[in-house]
C-alpha atoms as a PDB file:
ATOM      1  CA  UNK A   1     -18.034   4.462  11.112  1.00  0.00           C
ATOM      2  CA  UNK A   2     -16.374   1.708   9.152  1.00  0.00           C
ATOM      3  CA  UNK A   3     -14.416   3.046   6.189  1.00  0.00           C
ATOM      4  CA  UNK A   4     -15.378  -0.128   4.310  1.00  0.00           C
ATOM      5  CA  UNK A   5     -19.050  -0.198   5.263  1.00  0.00           C
ATOM      6  CA  UNK A   6     -20.179  -0.359   1.601  1.00  0.00           C
ATOM      7  CA  UNK A   7     -17.688  -3.064   0.652  1.00  0.00           C
ATOM      8  CA  UNK A   8     -20.456  -5.708   0.315  1.00  0.00           C
ATOM      9  CA  UNK A   9     -21.975  -3.630  -2.505  1.00  0.00           C
ATOM     10  CA  UNK A  10     -19.012  -4.588  -4.730  1.00  0.00           C
ATOM     11  CA  UNK A  11     -18.720  -8.375  -4.231  1.00  0.00           C
ATOM     12  CA  UNK A  12     -15.917  -9.052  -6.764  1.00  0.00           C
ATOM     13  CA  UNK A  13     -13.773  -5.984  -6.201  1.00  0.00           C
ATOM     14  CA  UNK A  14     -10.022  -5.967  -5.715  1.00  0.00           C
ATOM     15  CA  UNK A  15      -8.450  -3.801  -3.016  1.00  0.00           C
ATOM     16  CA  UNK A  16      -4.875  -2.521  -3.369  1.00  0.00           C
ATOM     17  CA  UNK A  17      -3.148  -1.318  -0.207  1.00  0.00           C
ATOM     18  CA  UNK A  18       0.216  -0.835   1.460  1.00  0.00           C
ATOM     19  CA  UNK A  19       2.215   2.127   2.660  1.00  0.00           C
ATOM     20  CA  UNK A  20       1.717   5.391   0.840  1.00  0.00           C
ATOM     21  CA  UNK A  21       4.386   6.153  -1.796  1.00  0.00           C
ATOM     22  CA  UNK A  22       4.830   2.441  -2.498  1.00  0.00           C
ATOM     23  CA  UNK A  23       3.412   2.142  -6.013  1.00  0.00           C
ATOM     24  CA  UNK A  24      -0.176   1.354  -5.049  1.00  0.00           C
ATOM     25  CA  UNK A  25      -1.601   3.983  -7.416  1.00  0.00           C
ATOM     26  CA  UNK A  26       0.312   2.566 -10.371  1.00  0.00           C
ATOM     27  CA  UNK A  27      -0.786  -1.010  -9.691  1.00  0.00           C
ATOM     28  CA  UNK A  28      -4.389   0.059  -9.110  1.00  0.00           C
ATOM     29  CA  UNK A  29      -4.470   1.829 -12.471  1.00  0.00           C
ATOM     30  CA  UNK A  30      -2.955  -1.135 -14.298  1.00  0.00           C
ATOM     31  CA  UNK A  31      -5.599  -3.469 -12.879  1.00  0.00           C
ATOM     32  CA  UNK A  32      -8.446  -1.000 -13.267  1.00  0.00           C
ATOM     33  CA  UNK A  33      -7.613  -0.582 -16.947  1.00  0.00           C
ATOM     34  CA  UNK A  34      -8.013  -4.278 -17.698  1.00  0.00           C
ATOM     35  CA  UNK A  35     -11.151  -5.676 -19.396  1.00  0.00           C
ATOM     36  CA  UNK A  36     -13.844  -6.494 -16.880  1.00  0.00           C
ATOM     37  CA  UNK A  37     -13.035  -3.550 -14.591  1.00  0.00           C
ATOM     38  CA  UNK A  38     -14.686  -0.148 -14.547  1.00  0.00           C
ATOM     39  CA  UNK A  39     -12.418   2.871 -14.065  1.00  0.00           C
ATOM     40  CA  UNK A  40     -13.176   5.405 -11.355  1.00  0.00           C
ATOM     41  CA  UNK A  41     -13.294   8.960 -12.694  1.00  0.00           C
ATOM     42  CA  UNK A  42     -14.799  10.865  -9.795  1.00  0.00           C
ATOM     43  CA  UNK A  43     -11.771  13.030  -8.952  1.00  0.00           C
ATOM     44  CA  UNK A  44      -8.097  13.118  -9.900  1.00  0.00           C
ATOM     45  CA  UNK A  45      -7.281  11.104  -6.785  1.00  0.00           C
ATOM     46  CA  UNK A  46      -7.697   7.304  -6.995  1.00  0.00           C
ATOM     47  CA  UNK A  47      -7.503   6.953  -3.226  1.00  0.00           C
ATOM     48  CA  UNK A  48     -10.186   9.573  -2.636  1.00  0.00           C
ATOM     49  CA  UNK A  49     -12.454   7.961  -5.234  1.00  0.00           C
ATOM     50  CA  UNK A  50     -12.189   4.642  -3.415  1.00  0.00           C
ATOM     51  CA  UNK A  51     -12.787   6.253  -0.011  1.00  0.00           C
ATOM     52  CA  UNK A  52     -15.946   8.010  -1.208  1.00  0.00           C
ATOM     53  CA  UNK A  53     -17.385   4.769  -2.567  1.00  0.00           C
ATOM     54  CA  UNK A  54     -16.355   2.328   0.139  1.00  0.00           C
ATOM     55  CA  UNK A  55     -17.274   4.585   3.058  1.00  0.00           C
ATOM     56  CA  UNK A  56     -20.730   5.114   1.548  1.00  0.00           C
ATOM     57  CA  UNK A  57     -20.635   8.778   0.557  1.00  0.00           C
ATOM     58  CA  UNK A  58     -21.516   7.818  -3.014  1.00  0.00           C
ATOM     59  CA  UNK A  59     -22.893   4.701  -4.671  1.00  0.00           C
ATOM     60  CA  UNK A  60     -21.250   3.338  -7.791  1.00  0.00           C
ATOM     61  CA  UNK A  61     -23.156   1.055 -10.196  1.00  0.00           C
ATOM     62  CA  UNK A  62     -23.022  -2.364  -8.547  1.00  0.00           C
ATOM     63  CA  UNK A  63     -23.194  -4.304 -11.824  1.00  0.00           C
ATOM     64  CA  UNK A  64     -19.516  -3.530 -12.566  1.00  0.00           C
ATOM     65  CA  UNK A  65     -16.221  -4.686 -11.130  1.00  0.00           C
ATOM     66  CA  UNK A  66     -13.798  -2.249  -9.476  1.00  0.00           C
ATOM     67  CA  UNK A  67     -10.218  -2.067  -8.292  1.00  0.00           C
ATOM     68  CA  UNK A  68     -10.039   0.215  -5.252  1.00  0.00           C
ATOM     69  CA  UNK A  69      -6.906   1.792  -3.813  1.00  0.00           C
ATOM     70  CA  UNK A  70      -7.350   1.595  -0.025  1.00  0.00           C
ATOM     71  CA  UNK A  71      -4.196   3.063   1.477  1.00  0.00           C
ATOM     72  CA  UNK A  72      -6.480   5.581   3.198  1.00  0.00           C
ATOM     73  CA  UNK A  73      -7.512   3.107   5.916  1.00  0.00           C
ATOM     74  CA  UNK A  74      -4.392   3.781   8.022  1.00  0.00           C
ATOM     75  CA  UNK A  75      -5.343   3.087  11.667  1.00  0.00           C
ATOM     76  CA  UNK A  76      -8.675   1.570  10.535  1.00  0.00           C
ATOM     77  CA  UNK A  77      -6.963  -1.410   8.886  1.00  0.00           C
ATOM     78  CA  UNK A  78      -8.949  -3.907  11.051  1.00  0.00           C
ATOM     79  CA  UNK A  79     -11.859  -3.098   8.697  1.00  0.00           C
ATOM     80  CA  UNK A  80     -10.232  -5.496   6.222  1.00  0.00           C
ATOM     81  CA  UNK A  81     -11.767  -8.306   8.249  1.00  0.00           C
ATOM     82  CA  UNK A  82     -15.048  -7.550   6.443  1.00  0.00           C
ATOM     83  CA  UNK A  83     -13.595  -8.745   3.121  1.00  0.00           C
ATOM     84  CA  UNK A  84     -16.154 -10.951   1.374  1.00  0.00           C
ATOM     85  CA  UNK A  85     -15.381 -14.362  -0.168  1.00  0.00           C
ATOM     86  CA  UNK A  86     -15.279 -13.037  -3.750  1.00  0.00           C
ATOM     87  CA  UNK A  87     -13.052 -10.072  -2.935  1.00  0.00           C
ATOM     88  CA  UNK A  88      -9.261  -9.829  -2.988  1.00  0.00           C
ATOM     89  CA  UNK A  89      -6.638  -7.745  -1.149  1.00  0.00           C
ATOM     90  CA  UNK A  90      -3.238  -6.980  -2.704  1.00  0.00           C
ATOM     91  CA  UNK A  91      -0.702  -5.512  -0.274  1.00  0.00           C
ATOM     92  CA  UNK A  92       2.256  -3.732  -1.887  1.00  0.00           C
ATOM     93  CA  UNK A  93       5.541  -3.810   0.012  1.00  0.00           C
ATOM     94  CA  UNK A  94       8.396  -1.507  -0.993  1.00  0.00           C
ATOM     95  CA  UNK A  95      11.855  -1.006   0.495  1.00  0.00           C
ATOM     96  CA  UNK A  96      12.095   1.754   3.134  1.00  0.00           C
ATOM     97  CA  UNK A  97      14.841   3.738   1.385  1.00  0.00           C
ATOM     98  CA  UNK A  98      12.688   4.506  -1.652  1.00  0.00           C
ATOM     99  CA  UNK A  99       9.505   5.128   0.346  1.00  0.00           C
ATOM    100  CA  UNK A 100      11.132   7.425   2.910  1.00  0.00           C
ATOM    101  CA  UNK A 101      12.886   9.371   0.158  1.00  0.00           C
ATOM    102  CA  UNK A 102       9.567   9.862  -1.635  1.00  0.00           C
ATOM    103  CA  UNK A 103       7.848  10.920   1.589  1.00  0.00           C
ATOM    104  CA  UNK A 104      10.508  13.564   2.191  1.00  0.00           C
ATOM    105  CA  UNK A 105      10.895  14.985  -1.302  1.00  0.00           C
ATOM    106  CA  UNK A 106       7.801  14.059  -3.343  1.00  0.00           C
ATOM    107  CA  UNK A 107       5.000  14.408  -0.804  1.00  0.00           C
ATOM    108  CA  UNK A 108       3.269  17.297   0.862  1.00  0.00           C
ATOM    109  CA  UNK A 109       4.015  17.879   4.532  1.00  0.00           C
ATOM    110  CA  UNK A 110       0.356  17.301   5.448  1.00  0.00           C
ATOM    111  CA  UNK A 111       0.421  13.765   4.058  1.00  0.00           C
ATOM    112  CA  UNK A 112       3.469  12.805   6.081  1.00  0.00           C
ATOM    113  CA  UNK A 113       2.139  14.381   9.264  1.00  0.00           C
ATOM    114  CA  UNK A 114      -1.196  12.612   8.876  1.00  0.00           C
ATOM    115  CA  UNK A 115       0.406   9.223   8.294  1.00  0.00           C
ATOM    116  CA  UNK A 116       2.738   9.735  11.223  1.00  0.00           C
ATOM    117  CA  UNK A 117      -0.181  10.718  13.473  1.00  0.00           C
ATOM    118  CA  UNK A 118      -2.252   7.666  12.536  1.00  0.00           C
ATOM    119  CA  UNK A 119       0.427   4.992  12.078  1.00  0.00           C
ATOM    120  CA  UNK A 120       3.711   6.210  13.526  1.00  0.00           C
ATOM    121  CA  UNK A 121       3.172   7.763  16.928  1.00  0.00           C
ATOM    122  CA  UNK A 122       2.422   4.433  18.610  1.00  0.00           C
ATOM    123  CA  UNK A 123       5.845   3.082  17.656  1.00  0.00           C
ATOM    124  CA  UNK A 124       6.984   3.100  21.272  1.00  0.00           C
ATOM    125  CA  UNK A 125      10.005   0.859  20.781  1.00  0.00           C
ATOM    126  CA  UNK A 126      12.025   3.846  19.586  1.00  0.00           C
ATOM    127  CA  UNK A 127      12.452   7.383  20.877  1.00  0.00           C
ATOM    128  CA  UNK A 128      13.654  10.459  18.950  1.00  0.00           C
ATOM    129  CA  UNK A 129      16.992  12.006  19.763  1.00  0.00           C
ATOM    130  CA  UNK A 130      15.384  15.336  20.580  1.00  0.00           C
ATOM    131  CA  UNK A 131      13.011  15.658  23.570  1.00  0.00           C
ATOM    132  CA  UNK A 132       9.479  17.040  23.296  1.00  0.00           C
ATOM    133  CA  UNK A 133       8.427  19.603  22.077  1.00  0.00           C
ATOM    134  CA  UNK A 134      11.138  19.467  19.427  1.00  0.00           C
ATOM    135  CA  UNK A 135      10.249  15.860  18.777  1.00  0.00           C
ATOM    136  CA  UNK A 136      11.257  13.702  15.826  1.00  0.00           C
ATOM    137  CA  UNK A 137      12.633  15.167  12.630  1.00  0.00           C
ATOM    138  CA  UNK A 138      10.808  14.784   9.317  1.00  0.00           C
ATOM    139  CA  UNK A 139      13.135  11.910   8.469  1.00  0.00           C
ATOM    140  CA  UNK A 140      12.321  10.181  11.739  1.00  0.00           C
ATOM    141  CA  UNK A 141       8.591  10.785  11.248  1.00  0.00           C
ATOM    142  CA  UNK A 142       8.807   9.222   7.795  1.00  0.00           C
ATOM    143  CA  UNK A 143      10.660   6.191   9.166  1.00  0.00           C
ATOM    144  CA  UNK A 144       8.192   5.686  12.004  1.00  0.00           C
ATOM    145  CA  UNK A 145       5.160   6.221   9.752  1.00  0.00           C
ATOM    146  CA  UNK A 146       6.547   3.716   7.254  1.00  0.00           C
ATOM    147  CA  UNK A 147       7.293   1.177   9.968  1.00  0.00           C
ATOM    148  CA  UNK A 148       3.853   1.467  11.520  1.00  0.00           C
ATOM    149  CA  UNK A 149       2.049   1.262   8.190  1.00  0.00           C
ATOM    150  CA  UNK A 150       3.850  -1.695   6.613  1.00  0.00           C
ATOM    151  CA  UNK A 151       3.752  -3.576   9.913  1.00  0.00           C
ATOM    152  CA  UNK A 152      -0.028  -3.705   9.643  1.00  0.00           C
ATOM    153  CA  UNK A 153       0.273  -6.626   7.240  1.00  0.00           C
ATOM    154  CA  UNK A 154       1.522  -8.739  10.140  1.00  0.00           C
ATOM    155  CA  UNK A 155      -1.952  -8.349  11.676  1.00  0.00           C
ATOM    156  CA  UNK A 156      -3.950  -8.234   8.449  1.00  0.00           C
ATOM    157  CA  UNK A 157      -2.740 -11.724   7.521  1.00  0.00           C
ATOM    158  CA  UNK A 158      -4.810 -13.009  10.476  1.00  0.00           C
ATOM    159  CA  UNK A 159      -7.901 -10.996   9.441  1.00  0.00           C
ATOM    160  CA  UNK A 160      -8.067 -12.056   5.788  1.00  0.00           C
ATOM    161  CA  UNK A 161      -8.120 -15.658   4.467  1.00  0.00           C
ATOM    162  CA  UNK A 162      -4.817 -16.611   2.859  1.00  0.00           C
ATOM    163  CA  UNK A 163      -6.550 -17.337  -0.443  1.00  0.00           C
ATOM    164  CA  UNK A 164      -7.725 -13.712  -0.593  1.00  0.00           C
ATOM    165  CA  UNK A 165      -4.420 -12.009   0.282  1.00  0.00           C
ATOM    166  CA  UNK A 166      -1.423 -11.405  -1.978  1.00  0.00           C
ATOM    167  CA  UNK A 167       1.690  -9.518  -0.833  1.00  0.00           C
ATOM    168  CA  UNK A 168       3.586  -8.018  -3.769  1.00  0.00           C
ATOM    169  CA  UNK A 169       7.143  -6.751  -3.504  1.00  0.00           C
ATOM    170  CA  UNK A 170       7.223  -3.551  -5.556  1.00  0.00           C
ATOM    171  CA  UNK A 171      10.928  -3.826  -6.300  1.00  0.00           C
ATOM    172  CA  UNK A 172      10.462  -7.342  -7.675  1.00  0.00           C
ATOM    173  CA  UNK A 173       7.493  -6.152  -9.707  1.00  0.00           C
ATOM    174  CA  UNK A 174       9.329  -3.347 -11.475  1.00  0.00           C
ATOM    175  CA  UNK A 175      12.410  -5.524 -11.961  1.00  0.00           C
ATOM    176  CA  UNK A 176      10.425  -8.306 -13.626  1.00  0.00           C
ATOM    177  CA  UNK A 177       6.890  -7.181 -14.552  1.00  0.00           C
ATOM    178  CA  UNK A 178       6.571  -9.998 -17.077  1.00  0.00           C
ATOM    179  CA  UNK A 179       6.860 -12.510 -14.251  1.00  0.00           C
ATOM    180  CA  UNK A 180       4.861 -10.707 -11.574  1.00  0.00           C
ATOM    181  CA  UNK A 181       1.917  -9.228 -13.443  1.00  0.00           C
ATOM    182  CA  UNK A 182       0.577 -12.618 -14.598  1.00  0.00           C
ATOM    183  CA  UNK A 183       0.586 -13.737 -10.934  1.00  0.00           C
ATOM    184  CA  UNK A 184      -1.203 -10.590  -9.851  1.00  0.00           C
ATOM    185  CA  UNK A 185      -3.824 -10.835 -12.572  1.00  0.00           C
ATOM    186  CA  UNK A 186      -4.302 -14.531 -11.884  1.00  0.00           C
ATOM    187  CA  UNK A 187      -4.867 -13.786  -8.212  1.00  0.00           C
ATOM    188  CA  UNK A 188      -7.365 -11.067  -9.153  1.00  0.00           C
ATOM    189  CA  UNK A 189      -9.099 -13.472 -11.547  1.00  0.00           C
ATOM    190  CA  UNK A 190      -8.616 -11.008 -14.397  1.00  0.00           C
ATOM    191  CA  UNK A 191      -7.462 -11.472 -17.985  1.00  0.00           C
ATOM    192  CA  UNK A 192      -3.806 -10.623 -18.507  1.00  0.00           C
ATOM    193  CA  UNK A 193      -2.204  -9.068 -21.578  1.00  0.00           C
ATOM    194  CA  UNK A 194       1.585  -8.963 -21.969  1.00  0.00           C
ATOM    195  CA  UNK A 195       1.241  -5.311 -23.015  1.00  0.00           C
ATOM    196  CA  UNK A 196       0.456  -4.408 -19.397  1.00  0.00           C
ATOM    197  CA  UNK A 197       4.126  -4.875 -18.513  1.00  0.00           C
ATOM    198  CA  UNK A 198       4.909  -1.696 -20.445  1.00  0.00           C
ATOM    199  CA  UNK A 199       2.736   0.264 -18.009  1.00  0.00           C
ATOM    200  CA  UNK A 200       5.041  -0.482 -15.081  1.00  0.00           C
ATOM    201  CA  UNK A 201       7.138   2.614 -14.391  1.00  0.00           C
ATOM    202  CA  UNK A 202      10.770   2.023 -13.481  1.00  0.00           C
ATOM    203  CA  UNK A 203      12.027   5.611 -13.392  1.00  0.00           C
ATOM    204  CA  UNK A 204      11.701   5.913  -9.603  1.00  0.00           C
ATOM    205  CA  UNK A 205      13.669   2.799  -8.765  1.00  0.00           C
ATOM    206  CA  UNK A 206      16.975   4.544  -8.000  1.00  0.00           C
ATOM    207  CA  UNK A 207      15.822   7.672  -6.179  1.00  0.00           C
ATOM    208  CA  UNK A 208      16.867   6.187  -2.856  1.00  0.00           C
ATOM    209  CA  UNK A 209      20.493   6.411  -3.997  1.00  0.00           C
ATOM    210  CA  UNK A 210      20.241  10.163  -3.446  1.00  0.00           C
ATOM    211  CA  UNK A 211      19.864   9.734   0.321  1.00  0.00           C
ATOM    212  CA  UNK A 212      22.751  10.826   2.504  1.00  0.00           C
ATOM    213  CA  UNK A 213      24.672   8.201   4.428  1.00  0.00           C
ATOM    214  CA  UNK A 214      23.277   9.633   7.678  1.00  0.00           C
ATOM    215  CA  UNK A 215      19.705   9.279   6.397  1.00  0.00           C
ATOM    216  CA  UNK A 216      20.347   5.713   5.288  1.00  0.00           C
ATOM    217  CA  UNK A 217      21.678   4.832   8.737  1.00  0.00           C
ATOM    218  CA  UNK A 218      18.543   6.277  10.357  1.00  0.00           C
ATOM    219  CA  UNK A 219      16.320   4.282   8.018  1.00  0.00           C
ATOM    220  CA  UNK A 220      18.283   1.131   8.764  1.00  0.00           C
ATOM    221  CA  UNK A 221      17.894   1.719  12.491  1.00  0.00           C
ATOM    222  CA  UNK A 222      14.185   2.499  12.561  1.00  0.00           C
ATOM    223  CA  UNK A 223      12.470   1.033   9.499  1.00  0.00           C
ATOM    224  CA  UNK A 224      14.588  -1.717   7.982  1.00  0.00           C
ATOM    225  CA  UNK A 225      13.961  -4.426  10.633  1.00  0.00           C
ATOM    226  CA  UNK A 226      10.185  -4.259  10.117  1.00  0.00           C
ATOM    227  CA  UNK A 227      10.624  -4.310   6.346  1.00  0.00           C
ATOM    228  CA  UNK A 228      12.707  -7.458   6.630  1.00  0.00           C
ATOM    229  CA  UNK A 229      10.074  -9.061   8.845  1.00  0.00           C
ATOM    230  CA  UNK A 230       7.337  -8.225   6.348  1.00  0.00           C
ATOM    231  CA  UNK A 231       9.472  -9.448   3.441  1.00  0.00           C
ATOM    232  CA  UNK A 232       9.974 -12.767   5.218  1.00  0.00           C
ATOM    233  CA  UNK A 233       6.222 -13.023   5.701  1.00  0.00           C
ATOM    234  CA  UNK A 234       5.636 -12.317   2.013  1.00  0.00           C
ATOM    235  CA  UNK A 235       8.150 -14.992   1.009  1.00  0.00           C
ATOM    236  CA  UNK A 236       6.455 -17.468   3.323  1.00  0.00           C
ATOM    237  CA  UNK A 237       3.025 -16.719   1.901  1.00  0.00           C
ATOM    238  CA  UNK A 238       4.326 -17.181  -1.646  1.00  0.00           C
ATOM    239  CA  UNK A 239       5.926 -20.495  -0.720  1.00  0.00           C
ATOM    240  CA  UNK A 240       2.684 -21.689   0.851  1.00  0.00           C
END
């Protein structure tokens, strides 16, 4: 089944996606709290709420506008091709050091294993140091999962019209929310209030500094090249 099979029911919705642990929940909540949007209050999990609605397990009132967090698509990202003309997709890109750190120390093991299984195991250009069945370490799984997930935007850009896709650099957003949030709200065709900038959390910006030098080298080997490629794409889309 398509995980976005009920997407047409919400013709002016905004989808927020990207790699897990990249700030998608924060951005979704900022947008969803703006006038004109209806908040989802089905569970405590924004991603689960969106999955239940968009996959068709529940029906939300269709006379309201929603901002859905859609990181749950994982290997089903080709479903974004069903985006309607009035809908928007915001892809959040965050540096691999911060994301991998958060995957290792702020995420349950199940989440990492699931993301690795759906987005990381096909990364055949790199092999772990240890042979099967020992396999990759948790650090290597996080790097491969990150690389596979963020690299999806390189394909998504060909599935979604350029006018309906915005790639946001999380680090730029938290460094200058007063500059970035107006762009994001303008793209989403939503009213912006300068007070929204105070909702952007900056306390997690420096967690990556706690990584060991060995971990940083592994991230640079496995994940950093794809991040740079995606960052170049984002810069090109902004310039266009």
